Every structure is written in C-alpha cells, then in structure tokens.
Amino acid sequence: MRSTFCALVLTLIVASPSGEARVIPDPSQKPAPGNEARQTPLRRANYSPAVNYQLQCLGCHLTNGEGSPRHDIPMMKGFVGNFLKVEGGREFLMRVPGASLSALSNQQLAELLNWMLQDDGIAGGSAPKDFKPYTGKEVAAYRNVMIKDLPGYRSSLIEQIRDLGIDIPDDVIP
C-alpha cells in the first residue's frame, strides 16, 4: 500500500511542471503573438448581425437555427417568426435569456433579431408580412424584464401559435 502511494505521489510530481501546481498566473508571461492589444468589447466591435449570431447564438442554436432538442435547445429555423404573430411573442424574443443576457448592445440585439427574422434568414418566411423591425430603444425597454417561468411562458406562446392553425414541428418543442 505504501509503495503504491509513493508511486502515485512521484508520478504527480514528475507530471506537473517544476513539480508544483501553478494556480496564480505568471505576471512575467507575455501574450501570444497577435494578442498584445486589449480586445474590443463586443458591444463596441461593430460586427455584422451574422457575425454576432456566430458569436452569441451559434453555440446553442447551431449554424442555421436548427437547435438541439436533445439538449433542450429549440429549433428556430423556419419558425421563430411565428412568435411575432401572438401576444407577448415579440417581447419574448428580446427577453429570452440567450438574447437578454448576451454581450450585445441594445442596438446590436435589435439588428440581430431583424436579421434573423428576414424571409431569407433563419425565420424562413415565418415572420408576419407586416413585420415591424426592432429598434435599440424597444430592446432597452424589454430586455431587462426577466421571464420567471421560461418553459411555461414559452409553452403558452406555442399554444397561442397552435391556436392560429400553425403547425408546430417537433424540434420547436424541446
């Protein structure tokens, strides 16, 4: 038993750099080449809505809004615009945690939502024909109003959409 313990300790010492664990960053370490300048915060970076989607949404909703129902991430592709057809749906898209808690400014979030809701975008023609684009001012008014019961709130909107006779694909309901 003692020899096994000693072998384990020796292995850990040899495997770690300098035989010790480093928990504090080395103040003399220099940044990797190309990373010397401080990064620009996302809200000031002036990226296009498509790039902002890649940076803020793609990790969960995937490339074209396919989502991942297996991980409780709803599909948006060809459907997300239907939320604008029911009461509370427009505000929901600004208040859903992935949007409201993103690093985007209010104007950037408005531009991202408008980009997603284009007929040739993720919404795929699901937005109402009289769609009124979001504004940064509108996003500022609703973004910080947290949704207390996200699954319940979303389910009530889905039921309203269903009541309009709109088919609800299985991937929309995780």
C-alpha atoms as a PDB file:
ATOM      1  CA  MET A   1       0.000   0.000   0.000  1.00  0.00           C
ATOM      2  CA  ARG A   2       2.772   2.420   0.959  1.00  0.00           C
ATOM      3  CA  SER A   3       4.696   1.724  -2.245  1.00  0.00           C
ATOM      4  CA  THR A   4       1.565   2.368  -4.344  1.00  0.00           C
ATOM      5  CA  PHE A   5       1.022   5.699  -2.579  1.00  0.00           C
ATOM      6  CA  CYS A   6       4.663   6.707  -3.072  1.00  0.00           C
ATOM      7  CA  ALA A   7       4.488   5.790  -6.770  1.00  0.00           C
ATOM      8  CA  LEU A   8       1.342   7.917  -7.167  1.00  0.00           C
ATOM      9  CA  VAL A   9       2.950  10.921  -5.456  1.00  0.00           C
ATOM     10  CA  LEU A  10       6.093  10.553  -7.549  1.00  0.00           C
ATOM     11  CA  THR A  11       4.005  10.365 -10.734  1.00  0.00           C
ATOM     12  CA  LEU A  12       2.137  13.543  -9.797  1.00  0.00           C
ATOM     13  CA  ILE A  13       5.351  15.413  -9.019  1.00  0.00           C
ATOM     14  CA  VAL A  14       7.009  14.374 -12.268  1.00  0.00           C
ATOM     15  CA  ALA A  15       3.864  15.104 -14.324  1.00  0.00           C
ATOM     16  CA  SER A  16       3.440  18.666 -13.056  1.00  0.00           C
ATOM     17  CA  PRO A  17       5.686  21.482 -14.309  1.00  0.00           C
ATOM     18  CA  SER A  18       8.505  22.197 -11.856  1.00  0.00           C
ATOM     19  CA  GLY A  19       6.953  19.616  -9.551  1.00  0.00           C
ATOM     20  CA  GLU A  20       4.321  22.091  -8.362  1.00  0.00           C
ATOM     21  CA  ALA A  21       0.832  23.154  -9.337  1.00  0.00           C
ATOM     22  CA  ARG A  22       0.549  26.733 -10.532  1.00  0.00           C
ATOM     23  CA  VAL A  23      -2.705  28.434  -9.548  1.00  0.00           C
ATOM     24  CA  ILE A  24      -1.632  32.052  -9.950  1.00  0.00           C
ATOM     25  CA  PRO A  25      -0.884  33.379 -13.449  1.00  0.00           C
ATOM     26  CA  ASP A  26       2.742  34.183 -14.126  1.00  0.00           C
ATOM     27  CA  PRO A  27       2.937  38.031 -14.200  1.00  0.00           C
ATOM     28  CA  SER A  28       6.020  37.900 -16.429  1.00  0.00           C
ATOM     29  CA  GLN A  29       4.247  35.819 -19.090  1.00  0.00           C
ATOM     30  CA  LYS A  30       3.770  37.722 -22.330  1.00  0.00           C
ATOM     31  CA  PRO A  31       0.694  37.411 -24.591  1.00  0.00           C
ATOM     32  CA  ALA A  32       0.859  35.178 -27.630  1.00  0.00           C
ATOM     33  CA  PRO A  33       1.887  36.994 -30.830  1.00  0.00           C
ATOM     34  CA  GLY A  34      -1.068  38.901 -32.269  1.00  0.00           C
ATOM     35  CA  ASN A  35      -2.789  39.179 -28.875  1.00  0.00           C
ATOM     36  CA  GLU A  36      -0.789  42.094 -27.471  1.00  0.00           C
ATOM     37  CA  ALA A  37      -3.592  44.665 -27.835  1.00  0.00           C
ATOM     38  CA  ARG A  38      -6.556  44.637 -25.484  1.00  0.00           C
ATOM     39  CA  GLN A  39      -9.679  43.136 -27.003  1.00  0.00           C
ATOM     40  CA  THR A  40     -12.533  45.404 -28.048  1.00  0.00           C
ATOM     41  CA  PRO A  41     -15.708  44.646 -26.084  1.00  0.00           C
ATOM     42  CA  LEU A  42     -18.318  43.000 -28.311  1.00  0.00           C
ATOM     43  CA  ARG A  43     -20.791  45.839 -27.886  1.00  0.00           C
ATOM     44  CA  ARG A  44     -18.243  48.202 -29.492  1.00  0.00           C
ATOM     45  CA  ALA A  45     -16.845  45.839 -32.126  1.00  0.00           C
ATOM     46  CA  ASN A  46     -19.293  46.777 -34.919  1.00  0.00           C
ATOM     47  CA  TYR A  47     -19.636  43.229 -36.227  1.00  0.00           C
ATOM     48  CA  SER A  48     -22.418  42.370 -38.661  1.00  0.00           C
ATOM     49  CA  PRO A  49     -25.545  40.649 -37.297  1.00  0.00           C
ATOM     50  CA  ALA A  50     -24.372  37.411 -38.948  1.00  0.00           C
ATOM     51  CA  VAL A  51     -21.069  37.534 -37.041  1.00  0.00           C
ATOM     52  CA  ASN A  52     -22.888  38.432 -33.812  1.00  0.00           C
ATOM     53  CA  TYR A  53     -25.103  35.368 -34.358  1.00  0.00           C
ATOM     54  CA  GLN A  54     -21.975  33.244 -34.689  1.00  0.00           C
ATOM     55  CA  LEU A  55     -20.506  34.707 -31.504  1.00  0.00           C
ATOM     56  CA  GLN A  56     -23.639  34.736 -29.342  1.00  0.00           C
ATOM     57  CA  CYS A  57     -26.156  32.186 -30.684  1.00  0.00           C
ATOM     58  CA  LEU A  58     -24.469  29.535 -32.802  1.00  0.00           C
ATOM     59  CA  GLY A  59     -23.105  27.602 -29.826  1.00  0.00           C
ATOM     60  CA  CYS A  60     -26.620  26.535 -28.807  1.00  0.00           C
ATOM     61  CA  HIS A  61     -28.874  27.133 -31.817  1.00  0.00           C
ATOM     62  CA  LEU A  62     -26.289  25.874 -34.340  1.00  0.00           C
ATOM     63  CA  THR A  63     -25.412  27.282 -37.750  1.00  0.00           C
ATOM     64  CA  ASN A  64     -28.863  27.898 -39.219  1.00  0.00           C
ATOM     65  CA  GLY A  65     -31.020  27.894 -36.110  1.00  0.00           C
ATOM     66  CA  GLU A  66     -31.523  24.112 -36.107  1.00  0.00           C
ATOM     67  CA  GLY A  67     -31.262  23.961 -32.312  1.00  0.00           C
ATOM     68  CA  SER A  68     -30.659  20.789 -30.355  1.00  0.00           C
ATOM     69  CA  PRO A  69     -33.863  19.348 -28.910  1.00  0.00           C
ATOM     70  CA  ARG A  70     -31.810  16.597 -27.276  1.00  0.00           C
ATOM     71  CA  HIS A  71     -30.241  19.365 -25.151  1.00  0.00           C
ATOM     72  CA  ASP A  72     -33.490  21.358 -24.737  1.00  0.00           C
ATOM     73  CA  ILE A  73     -32.413  23.971 -27.307  1.00  0.00           C
ATOM     74  CA  PRO A  74     -35.414  24.731 -29.544  1.00  0.00           C
ATOM     75  CA  MET A  75     -35.216  24.942 -33.315  1.00  0.00           C
ATOM     76  CA  MET A  76     -35.723  28.453 -34.679  1.00  0.00           C
ATOM     77  CA  LYS A  77     -35.223  27.677 -38.376  1.00  0.00           C
ATOM     78  CA  GLY A  78     -38.335  28.411 -40.414  1.00  0.00           C
ATOM     79  CA  PHE A  79     -40.383  29.010 -37.260  1.00  0.00           C
ATOM     80  CA  VAL A  80     -39.102  31.794 -34.991  1.00  0.00           C
ATOM     81  CA  GLY A  81     -41.085  34.500 -36.821  1.00  0.00           C
ATOM     82  CA  ASN A  82     -44.341  32.898 -35.661  1.00  0.00           C
ATOM     83  CA  PHE A  83     -43.726  34.291 -32.180  1.00  0.00           C
ATOM     84  CA  LEU A  84     -44.446  37.742 -33.624  1.00  0.00           C
ATOM     85  CA  LYS A  85     -47.978  36.611 -34.501  1.00  0.00           C
ATOM     86  CA  VAL A  86     -49.104  36.151 -30.889  1.00  0.00           C
ATOM     87  CA  GLU A  87     -49.463  38.435 -27.892  1.00  0.00           C
ATOM     88  CA  GLY A  88     -46.233  38.559 -25.892  1.00  0.00           C
ATOM     89  CA  GLY A  89     -44.181  36.840 -28.591  1.00  0.00           C
ATOM     90  CA  ARG A  90     -42.381  39.949 -29.816  1.00  0.00           C
ATOM     91  CA  GLU A  91     -41.238  40.776 -26.279  1.00  0.00           C
ATOM     92  CA  PHE A  92     -40.310  37.124 -25.681  1.00  0.00           C
ATOM     93  CA  LEU A  93     -37.637  37.200 -28.381  1.00  0.00           C
ATOM     94  CA  MET A  94     -35.941  40.137 -26.627  1.00  0.00           C
ATOM     95  CA  ARG A  95     -36.354  38.658 -23.159  1.00  0.00           C
ATOM     96  CA  VAL A  96     -35.309  35.035 -23.721  1.00  0.00           C
ATOM     97  CA  PRO A  97     -32.136  34.591 -21.620  1.00  0.00           C
ATOM     98  CA  GLY A  98     -29.780  33.899 -24.536  1.00  0.00           C
ATOM     99  CA  ALA A  99     -30.722  37.261 -26.049  1.00  0.00           C
ATOM    100  CA  SER A 100     -31.290  39.399 -22.969  1.00  0.00           C
ATOM    101  CA  LEU A 101     -28.092  38.260 -21.238  1.00  0.00           C
ATOM    102  CA  SER A 102     -25.894  38.407 -24.343  1.00  0.00           C
ATOM    103  CA  ALA A 103     -22.904  40.753 -24.560  1.00  0.00           C
ATOM    104  CA  LEU A 104     -24.592  42.681 -27.386  1.00  0.00           C
ATOM    105  CA  SER A 105     -25.708  46.278 -27.052  1.00  0.00           C
ATOM    106  CA  ASN A 106     -29.424  47.014 -27.377  1.00  0.00           C
ATOM    107  CA  GLN A 107     -28.928  48.215 -30.963  1.00  0.00           C
ATOM    108  CA  GLN A 108     -26.870  45.142 -31.875  1.00  0.00           C
ATOM    109  CA  LEU A 109     -29.537  42.845 -30.419  1.00  0.00           C
ATOM    110  CA  ALA A 110     -32.225  44.682 -32.407  1.00  0.00           C
ATOM    111  CA  GLU A 111     -30.161  44.290 -35.597  1.00  0.00           C
ATOM    112  CA  LEU A 112     -29.558  40.594 -34.855  1.00  0.00           C
ATOM    113  CA  LEU A 113     -33.276  39.920 -34.328  1.00  0.00           C
ATOM    114  CA  ASN A 114     -34.139  41.817 -37.523  1.00  0.00           C
ATOM    115  CA  TRP A 115     -31.516  39.817 -39.444  1.00  0.00           C
ATOM    116  CA  MET A 116     -32.880  36.532 -38.102  1.00  0.00           C
ATOM    117  CA  LEU A 117     -36.459  37.467 -38.987  1.00  0.00           C
ATOM    118  CA  GLN A 118     -35.802  38.225 -42.660  1.00  0.00           C
ATOM    119  CA  ASP A 119     -37.618  35.944 -45.098  1.00  0.00           C
ATOM    120  CA  ASP A 120     -34.282  34.605 -46.361  1.00  0.00           C
ATOM    121  CA  GLY A 121     -32.876  34.321 -42.840  1.00  0.00           C
ATOM    122  CA  ILE A 122     -33.388  31.872 -40.017  1.00  0.00           C
ATOM    123  CA  ALA A 123     -37.095  32.727 -39.829  1.00  0.00           C
ATOM    124  CA  GLY A 124     -37.505  31.382 -43.358  1.00  0.00           C
ATOM    125  CA  GLY A 125     -40.644  33.377 -44.157  1.00  0.00           C
ATOM    126  CA  SER A 126     -42.356  32.663 -40.831  1.00  0.00           C
ATOM    127  CA  ALA A 127     -42.481  36.312 -39.727  1.00  0.00           C
ATOM    128  CA  PRO A 128     -45.703  38.223 -40.359  1.00  0.00           C
ATOM    129  CA  LYS A 129     -45.834  40.169 -43.634  1.00  0.00           C
ATOM    130  CA  ASP A 130     -46.302  43.431 -41.694  1.00  0.00           C
ATOM    131  CA  PHE A 131     -43.221  42.770 -39.517  1.00  0.00           C
ATOM    132  CA  LYS A 132     -42.006  45.985 -37.927  1.00  0.00           C
ATOM    133  CA  PRO A 133     -38.225  45.885 -37.291  1.00  0.00           C
ATOM    134  CA  TYR A 134     -36.966  46.013 -33.722  1.00  0.00           C
ATOM    135  CA  THR A 135     -35.201  49.162 -32.530  1.00  0.00           C
ATOM    136  CA  GLY A 136     -32.480  49.547 -29.936  1.00  0.00           C
ATOM    137  CA  LYS A 137     -34.865  51.673 -27.869  1.00  0.00           C
ATOM    138  CA  GLU A 138     -37.502  48.919 -27.906  1.00  0.00           C
ATOM    139  CA  VAL A 139     -34.921  46.307 -26.871  1.00  0.00           C
ATOM    140  CA  ALA A 140     -33.794  48.563 -23.993  1.00  0.00           C
ATOM    141  CA  ALA A 141     -37.388  48.745 -22.722  1.00  0.00           C
ATOM    142  CA  TYR A 142     -37.914  44.956 -22.555  1.00  0.00           C
ATOM    143  CA  ARG A 143     -34.528  43.290 -22.338  1.00  0.00           C
ATOM    144  CA  ASN A 144     -34.093  43.556 -18.585  1.00  0.00           C
ATOM    145  CA  VAL A 145     -37.557  42.232 -17.722  1.00  0.00           C
ATOM    146  CA  MET A 146     -36.718  38.672 -16.721  1.00  0.00           C
ATOM    147  CA  ILE A 147     -39.011  35.763 -17.555  1.00  0.00           C
ATOM    148  CA  LYS A 148     -39.775  33.946 -14.295  1.00  0.00           C
ATOM    149  CA  ASP A 149     -41.025  30.670 -15.796  1.00  0.00           C
ATOM    150  CA  LEU A 150     -39.319  30.344 -19.180  1.00  0.00           C
ATOM    151  CA  PRO A 151     -40.673  26.880 -20.112  1.00  0.00           C
ATOM    152  CA  GLY A 152     -44.209  27.828 -19.036  1.00  0.00           C
ATOM    153  CA  TYR A 153     -44.117  31.199 -20.797  1.00  0.00           C
ATOM    154  CA  ARG A 154     -42.761  29.628 -23.978  1.00  0.00           C
ATOM    155  CA  SER A 155     -45.384  26.848 -23.837  1.00  0.00           C
ATOM    156  CA  SER A 156     -48.194  29.406 -23.562  1.00  0.00           C
ATOM    157  CA  LEU A 157     -46.852  31.213 -26.647  1.00  0.00           C
ATOM    158  CA  ILE A 158     -46.567  27.914 -28.547  1.00  0.00           C
ATOM    159  CA  GLU A 159     -50.210  27.137 -27.650  1.00  0.00           C
ATOM    160  CA  GLN A 160     -51.286  30.554 -28.972  1.00  0.00           C
ATOM    161  CA  ILE A 161     -49.377  29.842 -32.197  1.00  0.00           C
ATOM    162  CA  ARG A 162     -51.016  26.413 -32.446  1.00  0.00           C
ATOM    163  CA  ASP A 163     -54.432  28.053 -31.932  1.00  0.00           C
ATOM    164  CA  LEU A 164     -53.737  30.122 -35.084  1.00  0.00           C
ATOM    165  CA  GLY A 165     -53.604  26.845 -37.019  1.00  0.00           C
ATOM    166  CA  ILE A 166     -49.832  26.957 -37.444  1.00  0.00           C
ATOM    167  CA  ASP A 167     -48.115  23.579 -37.443  1.00  0.00           C
ATOM    168  CA  ILE A 168     -45.600  23.169 -34.629  1.00  0.00           C
ATOM    169  CA  PRO A 169     -42.645  20.986 -35.735  1.00  0.00           C
ATOM    170  CA  ASP A 170     -41.393  18.523 -33.101  1.00  0.00           C
ATOM    171  CA  ASP A 171     -37.962  20.209 -32.960  1.00  0.00           C
ATOM    172  CA  VAL A 172     -39.528  23.509 -31.876  1.00  0.00           C
ATOM    173  CA  ILE A 173     -40.647  21.957 -28.589  1.00  0.00           C
ATOM    174  CA  PRO A 174     -37.610  20.522 -26.829  1.00  0.00           C
END
